[in-house]
């Protein structure tokens, strides 16, 4: 690993674990203490994604379509767990960050695509966090310029203390603030029958075209399962000094984070739907400040203020985690020390990158006339479109036996992740078709989806058969011996043999990257179309 500060004892927000205590935890009290010490990475990465962009995206779904899209959150739960479990497993077993692992195993040419995507998307995402801060301050009647600058200073100061524990306590405190969505739900009291109907998959009714609905669904996917989470989770797990013997507890931490995030997301969508049902504002989403005004009209001033405070909390949390994800990844690329256990003098490049991202984002938001609401929606949609690429790199790393040894993926995880990538690509393909052909009928759209899915399935089966014949397999490969995995860690990257990248893999990655680049351009076109009416 690049930073020896990532070795020795675990010091979490709620407890500590000695590095020597790597045996099984016995007794209920010991297990509870271990869980409390480990809690942090999964909770923070999940709640951190319920940020300003998430508030806007879930709020838009509720204001424009009621509870008709609640079902998307249920479908995303297994996607959240599988993706993040792979990332935390990589962090615990390898001890290095996601960006460094990609560059080491795929080379700078392929790794650059993934890292450049992250830098561009993260920079835009941090801008949306300060958009949320500005909108919350505006509703509360507080001065925007001093408030935005104060928030930027708070975010930087919380990370630059030189103490991992202090930063994690700050982040966990913000996670508790995310629970404000629950009393808001109670104050708005949406009908239970309406919530139940929204949990059943259905297409939203109303005047929105298919392209607009797909744009919103992809935005929900992008804001719930964002690419930055993978980079943050792996680096943060390694920085916290989590080892394979603690993975059971780290997975429990991840489930706690998923539960908090999904409940919060569903609450935002539900109380926004209740606030705008039957009003002139239904179907006409503007920005998060408009949601606060709608809640005020529906449930009183206290509800509007509570929403603004929750938005402020979520924005500060998002700015902290996304900026930290960027600083981790850039430090991986540059090969400089990067750990929250170090002070500013011990990791100047790491903290300089963190502070620069925050400062630039705050400055952009303070530019008069910036298209704040439009930028927020566009960033979440771009995250959804680029997610398949990030997931493919994650899947390949988790099947690299040199990297994970007995910790590599099982068949079910591989099959589910491949299916997820296929669904996301089909969604982006349908979105592409609706942008190019805005009058495309639903029947043609369904035909495109079915044809694409069928072709993808046949291609996967054909590729598997070719591999089987080339390797001379007449039966399934021998199972991996996982009996010794508790003590197995990845050897130093420099000692690993260079990976063999097949021609088929190169062609597949090239096709995927080319298509997703085209889809990104069309998403931008669609956003511009919406902006110009």
Protein backbone atom coordinates (compact mmCIF):
# COMPACT_ATOMS: atom_id res chain seq x y z
CA UNK A 1 0.00 0.00 0.00
CA UNK A 2 1.07 3.58 -0.58
CA UNK A 3 0.48 4.81 2.97
CA UNK A 4 1.72 3.02 6.09
CA UNK A 5 -0.76 5.06 8.15
CA UNK A 6 -3.33 2.49 7.03
CA UNK A 7 -1.78 -0.14 9.29
CA UNK A 8 -2.37 -0.88 13.02
CA UNK A 9 -5.48 -0.37 15.16
CA UNK A 10 -8.99 0.50 13.99
CA UNK A 11 -10.24 3.78 15.47
CA UNK A 12 -13.86 4.31 14.46
CA UNK A 13 -16.41 6.88 15.51
CA UNK A 14 -18.00 4.54 18.07
CA UNK A 15 -15.10 2.41 19.26
CA UNK A 16 -11.67 0.88 18.61
CA UNK A 17 -10.25 -2.56 17.78
CA UNK A 18 -6.63 -3.56 18.32
CA UNK A 19 -4.87 -4.85 15.21
CA UNK A 20 -3.69 -7.91 17.13
CA UNK A 21 -7.30 -8.91 17.90
CA UNK A 22 -7.82 -10.69 14.57
CA UNK A 23 -9.44 -13.85 15.92
CA UNK A 24 -13.16 -14.67 16.10
CA UNK A 25 -15.28 -12.48 18.38
CA UNK A 26 -16.87 -14.47 21.19
CA UNK A 27 -19.66 -13.30 23.43
CA UNK A 28 -22.52 -10.91 22.68
CA UNK A 29 -20.84 -7.94 24.32
CA UNK A 30 -17.64 -8.37 22.30
CA UNK A 31 -19.60 -8.72 19.07
CA UNK A 32 -21.63 -5.55 19.76
CA UNK A 33 -18.46 -3.59 20.57
CA UNK A 34 -16.84 -4.84 17.38
CA UNK A 35 -19.85 -3.83 15.29
CA UNK A 36 -19.90 -0.35 16.86
CA UNK A 37 -16.20 0.11 16.11
CA UNK A 38 -16.60 -1.07 12.52
CA UNK A 39 -19.77 0.95 11.73
CA UNK A 40 -18.95 3.82 9.44
CA UNK A 41 -17.94 3.01 5.85
CA UNK A 42 -21.22 1.39 4.77
CA UNK A 43 -23.41 3.85 6.66
CA UNK A 44 -21.50 6.91 5.41
CA UNK A 45 -21.33 5.87 1.76
CA UNK A 46 -25.06 5.08 1.67
CA UNK A 47 -26.27 8.19 3.50
CA UNK A 48 -23.72 10.30 1.62
CA UNK A 49 -25.51 9.40 -1.60
CA UNK A 50 -28.81 10.73 -0.22
CA UNK A 51 -27.37 14.14 -0.97
CA UNK A 52 -28.66 17.35 -2.57
CA UNK A 53 -28.97 15.68 -5.96
CA UNK A 54 -30.89 12.81 -4.40
CA UNK A 55 -33.29 15.20 -2.66
CA UNK A 56 -33.93 16.92 -5.99
CA UNK A 57 -34.29 13.67 -7.96
CA UNK A 58 -36.59 11.90 -5.47
CA UNK A 59 -38.49 15.15 -5.01
CA UNK A 60 -38.95 15.50 -8.75
CA UNK A 61 -40.28 11.94 -8.92
CA UNK A 62 -42.77 12.68 -6.14
CA UNK A 63 -43.87 16.07 -7.43
CA UNK A 64 -44.25 15.02 -11.07
CA UNK A 65 -45.45 11.41 -10.70
CA UNK A 66 -46.66 10.98 -7.11
CA UNK A 67 -45.60 7.64 -5.64
CA UNK A 68 -45.65 5.84 -9.02
CA UNK A 69 -41.85 5.36 -9.02
CA UNK A 70 -41.40 4.12 -5.44
CA UNK A 71 -40.91 0.60 -6.78
CA UNK A 72 -37.58 1.60 -8.37
CA UNK A 73 -36.08 1.95 -4.88
CA UNK A 74 -37.02 -1.62 -3.95
CA UNK A 75 -35.41 -2.97 -7.13
CA UNK A 76 -32.21 -1.06 -6.37
CA UNK A 77 -31.68 -2.63 -2.91
CA UNK A 78 -29.94 -5.81 -4.19
CA UNK A 79 -27.96 -3.71 -6.69
CA UNK A 80 -26.76 -1.47 -3.87
CA UNK A 81 -25.68 -4.38 -1.72
CA UNK A 82 -23.91 -6.40 -4.42
CA UNK A 83 -21.98 -3.42 -5.81
CA UNK A 84 -20.92 -2.07 -2.43
CA UNK A 85 -20.12 -5.51 -1.01
CA UNK A 86 -17.68 -6.08 -3.86
CA UNK A 87 -16.06 -2.70 -3.22
CA UNK A 88 -15.69 -3.23 0.54
CA UNK A 89 -14.33 -6.74 -0.04
CA UNK A 90 -11.70 -5.30 -2.38
CA UNK A 91 -10.78 -2.68 0.21
CA UNK A 92 -10.44 -5.14 3.09
CA UNK A 93 -8.52 -7.81 1.17
CA UNK A 94 -6.21 -5.61 -0.92
CA UNK A 95 -5.67 -2.62 1.38
CA UNK A 96 -5.42 -0.25 -1.61
CA UNK A 97 -7.79 2.19 -3.30
CA UNK A 98 -10.04 1.47 -6.27
CA UNK A 99 -8.29 3.84 -8.68
CA UNK A 100 -4.85 2.39 -7.95
CA UNK A 101 -6.12 -1.15 -8.42
CA UNK A 102 -7.71 -0.29 -11.77
CA UNK A 103 -4.53 1.35 -13.05
CA UNK A 104 -2.36 -1.55 -11.85
CA UNK A 105 -4.50 -4.32 -13.33
CA UNK A 106 -5.79 -2.71 -16.52
CA UNK A 107 -2.99 -0.29 -17.37
CA UNK A 108 -3.08 3.48 -17.75
CA UNK A 109 -4.95 3.39 -21.07
CA UNK A 110 -8.02 1.57 -19.75
CA UNK A 111 -7.73 2.88 -16.23
CA UNK A 112 -7.69 6.48 -17.48
CA UNK A 113 -11.22 6.12 -18.82
CA UNK A 114 -12.60 5.11 -15.45
CA UNK A 115 -10.63 7.69 -13.48
CA UNK A 116 -11.37 10.57 -15.88
CA UNK A 117 -15.07 9.72 -15.68
CA UNK A 118 -14.88 9.86 -11.90
CA UNK A 119 -13.07 13.21 -11.78
CA UNK A 120 -15.49 14.90 -14.19
CA UNK A 121 -18.61 13.43 -12.60
CA UNK A 122 -17.45 14.08 -9.04
CA UNK A 123 -16.62 17.70 -9.81
CA UNK A 124 -20.14 18.23 -11.14
CA UNK A 125 -21.64 16.31 -8.21
CA UNK A 126 -19.90 18.49 -5.62
CA UNK A 127 -21.31 21.53 -7.46
CA UNK A 128 -24.81 20.10 -6.95
CA UNK A 129 -24.09 19.76 -3.21
CA UNK A 130 -23.39 23.47 -2.95
CA UNK A 131 -26.47 24.14 -5.06
CA UNK A 132 -28.43 22.36 -2.32
CA UNK A 133 -26.71 24.47 0.33
CA UNK A 134 -27.54 27.68 -1.55
CA UNK A 135 -31.20 26.70 -2.02
CA UNK A 136 -31.58 25.75 1.67
CA UNK A 137 -30.04 29.05 2.79
CA UNK A 138 -32.28 30.97 0.39
CA UNK A 139 -35.42 29.37 1.81
CA UNK A 140 -34.30 29.97 5.39
CA UNK A 141 -33.69 33.64 4.59
CA UNK A 142 -29.95 33.44 5.33
CA UNK A 143 -27.30 35.20 3.20
CA UNK A 144 -26.12 32.83 0.48
CA UNK A 145 -22.55 33.98 -0.16
CA UNK A 146 -21.36 33.88 3.49
CA UNK A 147 -23.37 30.70 4.07
CA UNK A 148 -21.86 28.84 1.10
CA UNK A 149 -18.35 29.95 2.06
CA UNK A 150 -18.93 28.90 5.69
CA UNK A 151 -20.17 25.48 4.55
CA UNK A 152 -17.10 25.03 2.34
CA UNK A 153 -14.82 25.90 5.26
CA UNK A 154 -16.68 23.44 7.52
CA UNK A 155 -16.30 20.60 4.99
CA UNK A 156 -12.57 21.23 4.58
CA UNK A 157 -11.93 21.70 8.31
CA UNK A 158 -13.73 18.44 9.22
CA UNK A 159 -11.44 16.42 6.93
CA UNK A 160 -8.16 18.18 7.73
CA UNK A 161 -7.91 17.43 11.45
CA UNK A 162 -5.39 14.61 11.02
CA UNK A 163 -7.69 12.25 12.91
CA UNK A 164 -9.70 9.56 11.14
CA UNK A 165 -11.93 9.20 14.21
CA UNK A 166 -12.83 12.91 14.30
CA UNK A 167 -13.84 12.90 10.64
CA UNK A 168 -15.93 9.76 11.08
CA UNK A 169 -17.71 11.20 14.10
CA UNK A 170 -18.53 14.30 12.06
CA UNK A 171 -19.88 12.12 9.24
CA UNK A 172 -21.91 9.88 11.57
CA UNK A 173 -23.43 13.00 13.17
CA UNK A 174 -24.57 14.10 9.70
CA UNK A 175 -25.96 10.59 9.11
CA UNK A 176 -28.19 11.05 12.16
CA UNK A 177 -29.40 14.32 10.61
CA UNK A 178 -30.57 12.39 7.55
CA UNK A 179 -33.30 10.84 9.74
CA UNK A 180 -35.15 14.17 9.60
CA UNK A 181 -36.93 12.73 6.56
CA UNK A 182 -38.95 10.48 8.88
CA UNK A 183 -40.73 13.26 10.87
CA UNK A 184 -41.32 15.09 7.58
CA UNK A 185 -43.08 11.98 6.30
CA UNK A 186 -45.26 11.94 9.44
CA UNK A 187 -46.08 15.65 9.08
CA UNK A 188 -47.10 15.25 5.42
CA UNK A 189 -49.05 12.01 6.21
CA UNK A 190 -49.31 10.56 2.67
CA UNK A 191 -52.13 7.99 2.25
CA UNK A 192 -50.99 4.46 3.07
CA UNK A 193 -52.93 2.98 0.14
CA UNK A 194 -51.14 5.29 -2.27
CA UNK A 195 -47.76 4.24 -0.86
CA UNK A 196 -48.68 0.56 -1.26
CA UNK A 197 -49.67 1.09 -4.91
CA UNK A 198 -46.38 2.86 -5.58
CA UNK A 199 -44.41 -0.18 -4.45
CA UNK A 200 -45.87 -2.22 -7.33
CA UNK A 201 -44.02 -1.76 -10.66
CA UNK A 202 -46.03 0.40 -13.04
CA UNK A 203 -45.49 3.15 -15.60
CA UNK A 204 -46.32 6.69 -14.42
CA UNK A 205 -49.43 8.18 -15.95
CA UNK A 206 -49.65 11.80 -16.97
CA UNK A 207 -48.38 14.13 -19.64
CA UNK A 208 -44.66 13.26 -19.44
CA UNK A 209 -43.24 11.60 -22.50
CA UNK A 210 -41.43 8.26 -22.39
CA UNK A 211 -38.05 9.95 -22.79
CA UNK A 212 -38.63 12.22 -19.79
CA UNK A 213 -39.73 9.30 -17.59
CA UNK A 214 -36.69 7.25 -18.63
CA UNK A 215 -34.46 10.23 -17.96
CA UNK A 216 -35.88 10.40 -14.44
CA UNK A 217 -35.58 6.63 -13.84
CA UNK A 218 -31.95 6.68 -14.93
CA UNK A 219 -31.41 9.69 -12.66
CA UNK A 220 -32.90 7.70 -9.74
CA UNK A 221 -30.50 4.85 -10.53
CA UNK A 222 -27.57 7.27 -10.81
CA UNK A 223 -28.31 9.03 -7.55
CA UNK A 224 -28.92 5.79 -5.65
CA UNK A 225 -26.01 3.74 -7.04
CA UNK A 226 -23.40 6.33 -8.05
CA UNK A 227 -19.92 5.47 -9.43
CA UNK A 228 -18.15 7.61 -6.79
CA UNK A 229 -19.47 5.26 -4.08
CA UNK A 230 -17.27 2.41 -5.37
CA UNK A 231 -14.10 4.52 -5.18
CA UNK A 232 -15.03 5.95 -1.78
CA UNK A 233 -16.03 2.63 -0.21
CA UNK A 234 -12.89 0.73 -1.17
CA UNK A 235 -10.48 3.51 -0.19
CA UNK A 236 -12.33 4.35 3.03
CA UNK A 237 -12.45 0.70 4.13
CA UNK A 238 -8.69 0.42 3.53
CA UNK A 239 -8.08 3.74 5.32
CA UNK A 240 -10.09 2.58 8.33
CA UNK A 241 -7.83 -0.49 8.49
CA UNK A 242 -10.65 -2.99 8.05
CA UNK A 243 -9.25 -6.50 7.48
CA UNK A 244 -10.94 -9.68 6.19
CA UNK A 245 -11.64 -10.91 9.72
CA UNK A 246 -13.98 -7.90 10.16
CA UNK A 247 -15.91 -8.34 6.91
CA UNK A 248 -18.93 -9.89 8.65
CA UNK A 249 -19.37 -6.75 10.70
CA UNK A 250 -18.65 -4.47 7.76
CA UNK A 251 -21.42 -6.17 5.77
CA UNK A 252 -23.80 -5.54 8.67
CA UNK A 253 -22.71 -1.90 8.60
CA UNK A 254 -23.52 -1.83 4.86
CA UNK A 255 -27.02 -3.22 5.47
CA UNK A 256 -27.62 -0.55 8.13
CA UNK A 257 -26.59 2.12 5.63
CA UNK A 258 -28.82 0.69 2.89
CA UNK A 259 -31.81 0.61 5.24
CA UNK A 260 -31.29 4.25 6.29
CA UNK A 261 -30.75 5.38 2.68
CA UNK A 262 -33.78 3.59 1.19
CA UNK A 263 -36.10 4.70 4.00
CA UNK A 264 -34.91 8.28 3.53
CA UNK A 265 -35.30 8.15 -0.25
CA UNK A 266 -38.79 6.67 -0.02
CA UNK A 267 -39.81 9.26 2.58
CA UNK A 268 -38.67 12.15 0.35
CA UNK A 269 -40.60 10.79 -2.62
CA UNK A 270 -43.70 10.10 -0.51
CA UNK A 271 -43.95 13.39 1.40
CA UNK A 272 -43.29 15.38 -1.78
CA UNK A 273 -46.08 13.47 -3.53
CA UNK A 274 -48.44 14.25 -0.64
CA UNK A 275 -47.47 17.92 -0.57
CA UNK A 276 -48.21 18.52 -4.26
CA UNK A 277 -51.13 16.14 -4.87
CA UNK A 278 -54.07 18.05 -6.34
CA UNK A 279 -52.19 21.37 -6.51
CA UNK A 280 -51.12 23.52 -9.43
CA UNK A 281 -47.51 22.58 -8.73
CA UNK A 282 -48.06 18.88 -9.43
CA UNK A 283 -46.08 17.88 -12.52
CA UNK A 284 -44.05 21.11 -12.53
CA UNK A 285 -40.88 20.43 -10.56
CA UNK A 286 -38.50 23.36 -10.28
CA UNK A 287 -35.90 22.77 -7.59
CA UNK A 288 -35.51 21.61 -3.98
CA UNK A 289 -36.51 25.03 -2.62
CA UNK A 290 -39.84 24.58 -4.38
CA UNK A 291 -40.37 21.37 -2.39
CA UNK A 292 -39.82 23.30 0.84
CA UNK A 293 -42.45 25.85 -0.21
CA UNK A 294 -44.87 23.07 -1.14
CA UNK A 295 -44.38 21.39 2.24
CA UNK A 296 -44.96 24.72 3.96
CA UNK A 297 -48.26 25.15 2.14
CA UNK A 298 -49.29 21.58 2.90
CA UNK A 299 -48.08 21.06 6.49
CA UNK A 300 -47.01 24.44 7.82
CA UNK A 301 -43.86 26.53 8.12
CA UNK A 302 -42.19 24.05 10.47
CA UNK A 303 -42.26 21.37 7.76
CA UNK A 304 -40.63 23.69 5.24
CA UNK A 305 -37.89 24.68 7.69
CA UNK A 306 -37.27 21.06 8.65
CA UNK A 307 -36.89 20.13 4.98
CA UNK A 308 -34.43 22.97 4.41
CA UNK A 309 -32.35 21.84 7.42
CA UNK A 310 -32.41 18.25 6.14
CA UNK A 311 -31.32 19.47 2.70
CA UNK A 312 -28.48 21.46 4.25
CA UNK A 313 -27.35 18.42 6.24
CA UNK A 314 -27.49 16.16 3.18
CA UNK A 315 -25.57 18.66 1.04
CA UNK A 316 -22.72 19.03 3.55
CA UNK A 317 -22.57 15.23 3.88
CA UNK A 318 -22.49 14.78 0.10
CA UNK A 319 -19.82 17.44 -0.39
CA UNK A 320 -17.61 15.75 2.23
CA UNK A 321 -17.88 12.21 0.86
CA UNK A 322 -17.72 12.98 -2.86
CA UNK A 323 -14.73 15.33 -2.40
CA UNK A 324 -13.00 12.69 -0.30
CA UNK A 325 -13.65 10.10 -3.00
CA UNK A 326 -11.98 12.41 -5.54
CA UNK A 327 -8.98 13.08 -3.28
CA UNK A 328 -8.50 9.35 -2.64
CA UNK A 329 -8.61 8.53 -6.36
CA UNK A 330 -6.31 11.35 -7.47
CA UNK A 331 -3.77 10.46 -4.76
CA UNK A 332 -3.89 6.85 -5.96
CA UNK A 333 -3.06 8.01 -9.48
CA UNK A 334 -0.27 10.35 -8.36
CA UNK A 335 1.16 7.88 -5.85
CA UNK A 336 1.21 10.28 -2.89
CA UNK A 337 0.33 9.54 0.78
CA UNK A 338 -3.39 9.78 1.37
CA UNK A 339 -4.96 8.97 4.70
CA UNK A 340 -7.26 10.73 7.14
CA UNK A 341 -4.91 9.46 9.85
CA UNK A 342 -2.31 11.95 8.62
CA UNK A 343 -2.26 15.68 9.22
CA UNK A 344 -1.99 18.25 6.45
CA UNK A 345 1.82 18.27 6.58
CA UNK A 346 1.97 14.50 6.14
CA UNK A 347 -0.38 14.39 3.11
CA UNK A 348 -0.24 17.81 1.46
CA UNK A 349 -1.28 16.63 -2.00
CA UNK A 350 -4.24 14.67 -0.65
CA UNK A 351 -5.68 17.56 1.35
CA UNK A 352 -4.87 20.10 -1.38
CA UNK A 353 -6.94 18.09 -3.86
CA UNK A 354 -9.81 17.82 -1.37
CA UNK A 355 -9.81 21.56 -0.64
CA UNK A 356 -9.50 22.49 -4.34
CA UNK A 357 -12.57 20.44 -5.33
CA UNK A 358 -14.63 22.04 -2.55
CA UNK A 359 -13.44 25.59 -3.36
CA UNK A 360 -14.11 25.33 -7.10
CA UNK A 361 -17.59 23.87 -6.55
CA UNK A 362 -18.53 26.63 -4.10
CA UNK A 363 -17.24 29.28 -6.52
CA UNK A 364 -19.30 27.89 -9.43
CA UNK A 365 -22.51 28.01 -7.39
CA UNK A 366 -21.91 31.65 -6.49
CA UNK A 367 -21.70 32.69 -10.16
CA UNK A 368 -24.88 34.68 -10.93
CA UNK A 369 -27.24 33.06 -13.42
CA UNK A 370 -25.90 29.50 -13.13
CA UNK A 371 -28.55 26.90 -14.26
CA UNK A 372 -28.69 25.26 -10.84
CA UNK A 373 -31.78 23.04 -11.16
CA UNK A 374 -30.89 21.85 -14.65
CA UNK A 375 -27.33 20.98 -13.64
CA UNK A 376 -28.56 18.90 -10.69
CA UNK A 377 -30.80 16.70 -12.85
CA UNK A 378 -28.17 16.32 -15.55
CA UNK A 379 -25.48 15.14 -13.13
CA UNK A 380 -27.66 12.38 -11.66
CA UNK A 381 -28.60 11.15 -15.13
CA UNK A 382 -24.98 11.11 -16.28
CA UNK A 383 -24.10 9.06 -13.20
CA UNK A 384 -26.73 6.49 -14.18
CA UNK A 385 -25.46 6.30 -17.76
CA UNK A 386 -21.81 5.86 -16.69
CA UNK A 387 -22.59 3.31 -13.96
CA UNK A 388 -22.32 0.24 -16.28
CA UNK A 389 -18.70 1.10 -17.09
CA UNK A 390 -17.75 1.45 -13.41
CA UNK A 391 -19.56 -1.79 -12.57
CA UNK A 392 -17.77 -3.71 -15.34
CA UNK A 393 -14.35 -2.71 -13.97
CA UNK A 394 -15.52 -3.67 -10.48
CA UNK A 395 -16.74 -7.06 -11.71
CA UNK A 396 -13.48 -7.80 -13.52
CA UNK A 397 -11.41 -6.92 -10.44
CA UNK A 398 -13.56 -9.15 -8.24
CA UNK A 399 -12.85 -12.09 -10.57
CA UNK A 400 -9.08 -11.50 -10.63
CA UNK A 401 -7.60 -14.39 -8.63
CA UNK A 402 -4.27 -12.62 -8.31
CA UNK A 403 -6.03 -9.76 -6.50
CA UNK A 404 -8.65 -11.54 -4.38
CA UNK A 405 -7.49 -15.16 -4.32
CA UNK A 406 -10.11 -17.14 -2.36
CA UNK A 407 -12.22 -13.98 -2.00
CA UNK A 408 -13.18 -13.81 -5.70
CA UNK A 409 -16.84 -13.62 -6.69
CA UNK A 410 -19.11 -16.62 -6.76
CA UNK A 411 -21.28 -17.50 -9.74
CA UNK A 412 -24.46 -15.94 -8.37
CA UNK A 413 -22.75 -12.59 -7.74
CA UNK A 414 -21.27 -12.60 -11.24
CA UNK A 415 -24.60 -13.49 -12.84
CA UNK A 416 -26.51 -10.81 -10.92
CA UNK A 417 -23.93 -8.12 -11.65
CA UNK A 418 -23.85 -8.99 -15.34
CA UNK A 419 -27.65 -8.80 -15.42
CA UNK A 420 -27.54 -5.40 -13.72
CA UNK A 421 -25.07 -4.07 -16.29
CA UNK A 422 -27.27 -5.39 -19.09
CA UNK A 423 -30.40 -3.72 -17.69
CA UNK A 424 -28.59 -0.39 -17.29
CA UNK A 425 -27.28 -0.54 -20.86
CA UNK A 426 -30.78 -1.35 -22.15
CA UNK A 427 -32.20 1.63 -20.24
CA UNK A 428 -29.60 3.96 -21.71
CA UNK A 429 -30.24 2.48 -25.18
CA UNK A 430 -33.98 3.18 -24.87
CA UNK A 431 -33.19 6.70 -23.70
CA UNK A 432 -30.92 7.12 -26.73
CA UNK A 433 -33.69 5.94 -29.05
CA UNK A 434 -36.25 8.32 -27.54
CA UNK A 435 -33.86 11.27 -27.94
CA UNK A 436 -33.09 10.46 -31.57
CA UNK A 437 -36.71 9.52 -32.35
CA UNK A 438 -38.92 11.53 -29.96
CA UNK A 439 -42.16 10.15 -31.46
CA UNK A 440 -41.19 6.52 -31.00
CA UNK A 441 -44.20 4.46 -29.90
CA UNK A 442 -44.18 2.35 -26.71
CA UNK A 443 -44.47 -0.82 -28.83
CA UNK A 444 -41.30 0.02 -30.73
CA UNK A 445 -39.57 0.90 -27.50
CA UNK A 446 -40.50 -2.46 -25.96
CA UNK A 447 -39.28 -4.17 -29.12
CA UNK A 448 -35.92 -2.43 -28.90
CA UNK A 449 -35.57 -3.47 -25.26
CA UNK A 450 -36.49 -7.10 -26.00
CA UNK A 451 -34.19 -7.31 -29.01
CA UNK A 452 -31.28 -5.79 -27.09
CA UNK A 453 -31.80 -8.06 -24.11
CA UNK A 454 -32.06 -11.15 -26.31
CA UNK A 455 -28.95 -10.25 -28.28
CA UNK A 456 -27.00 -9.59 -25.08
CA UNK A 457 -28.07 -12.94 -23.60
CA UNK A 458 -27.14 -14.88 -26.73
CA UNK A 459 -23.80 -13.06 -26.95
CA UNK A 460 -23.01 -13.95 -23.33
CA UNK A 461 -23.86 -17.62 -23.91
CA UNK A 462 -21.80 -17.68 -27.11
CA UNK A 463 -18.82 -16.09 -25.39
CA UNK A 464 -19.00 -18.60 -22.52
CA UNK A 465 -19.11 -21.50 -25.00
CA UNK A 466 -16.10 -20.19 -26.95
CA UNK A 467 -14.11 -19.86 -23.72
CA UNK A 468 -15.06 -23.37 -22.66
CA UNK A 469 -13.93 -24.88 -25.96
CA UNK A 470 -10.67 -22.93 -26.09
CA UNK A 471 -9.70 -24.03 -22.60
CA UNK A 472 -10.76 -27.60 -23.30
CA UNK A 473 -13.24 -27.72 -20.42
CA UNK A 474 -15.69 -30.57 -20.57
CA UNK A 475 -17.05 -29.88 -17.13
CA UNK A 476 -17.25 -26.98 -14.70
CA UNK A 477 -13.93 -25.67 -13.29
CA UNK A 478 -12.88 -26.92 -9.86
CA UNK A 479 -14.35 -24.83 -7.02
CA UNK A 480 -12.12 -22.29 -5.32
CA UNK A 481 -10.71 -23.32 -1.94
CA UNK A 482 -12.10 -20.69 0.43
CA UNK A 483 -11.15 -22.44 3.66
CA UNK A 484 -8.08 -20.24 4.31
CA UNK A 485 -9.48 -16.93 3.18
CA UNK A 486 -9.71 -15.32 6.65
CA UNK A 487 -5.93 -14.95 6.71
CA UNK A 488 -5.43 -14.23 3.00
CA UNK A 489 -4.43 -10.74 1.84
CA UNK A 490 -3.37 -9.56 -1.59
CA UNK A 491 0.41 -9.58 -2.08
CA UNK A 492 2.05 -6.23 -2.94
CA UNK A 493 0.90 -5.04 -6.37
CA UNK A 494 4.47 -4.94 -7.68
CA UNK A 495 4.80 -8.68 -7.03
CA UNK A 496 1.67 -9.69 -8.94
CA UNK A 497 2.13 -11.07 -12.46
CA UNK A 498 0.81 -8.81 -15.19
CA UNK A 499 -2.80 -9.65 -16.06
CA UNK A 500 -3.54 -11.12 -19.48
CA UNK A 501 -6.15 -9.04 -21.28
CA UNK A 502 -7.78 -11.07 -24.04
CA UNK A 503 -8.77 -9.63 -27.39
CA UNK A 504 -12.43 -10.31 -26.63
CA UNK A 505 -12.19 -8.29 -23.42
CA UNK A 506 -10.50 -5.39 -25.22
CA UNK A 507 -13.18 -5.40 -27.91
CA UNK A 508 -15.96 -5.59 -25.32
CA UNK A 509 -14.57 -2.71 -23.26
CA UNK A 510 -14.04 -0.61 -26.39
CA UNK A 511 -17.60 -1.16 -27.61
CA UNK A 512 -19.05 -0.41 -24.17
CA UNK A 513 -16.99 2.75 -23.73
CA UNK A 514 -17.80 4.00 -27.24
CA UNK A 515 -21.52 3.46 -26.81
CA UNK A 516 -21.64 5.02 -23.33
CA UNK A 517 -19.72 8.05 -24.65
CA UNK A 518 -22.38 8.41 -27.35
CA UNK A 519 -25.14 8.01 -24.74
CA UNK A 520 -23.58 10.74 -22.57
CA UNK A 521 -23.67 13.15 -25.51
CA UNK A 522 -27.34 12.37 -26.10
CA UNK A 523 -28.17 12.86 -22.42
CA UNK A 524 -26.62 16.32 -22.64
CA UNK A 525 -28.67 16.96 -25.79
CA UNK A 526 -31.85 15.92 -23.97
CA UNK A 527 -31.06 18.17 -21.00
CA UNK A 528 -30.52 21.11 -23.36
CA UNK A 529 -33.84 20.31 -25.07
CA UNK A 530 -35.62 20.42 -21.71
CA UNK A 531 -33.89 23.69 -20.85
CA UNK A 532 -34.99 25.34 -24.09
CA UNK A 533 -38.52 23.94 -23.95
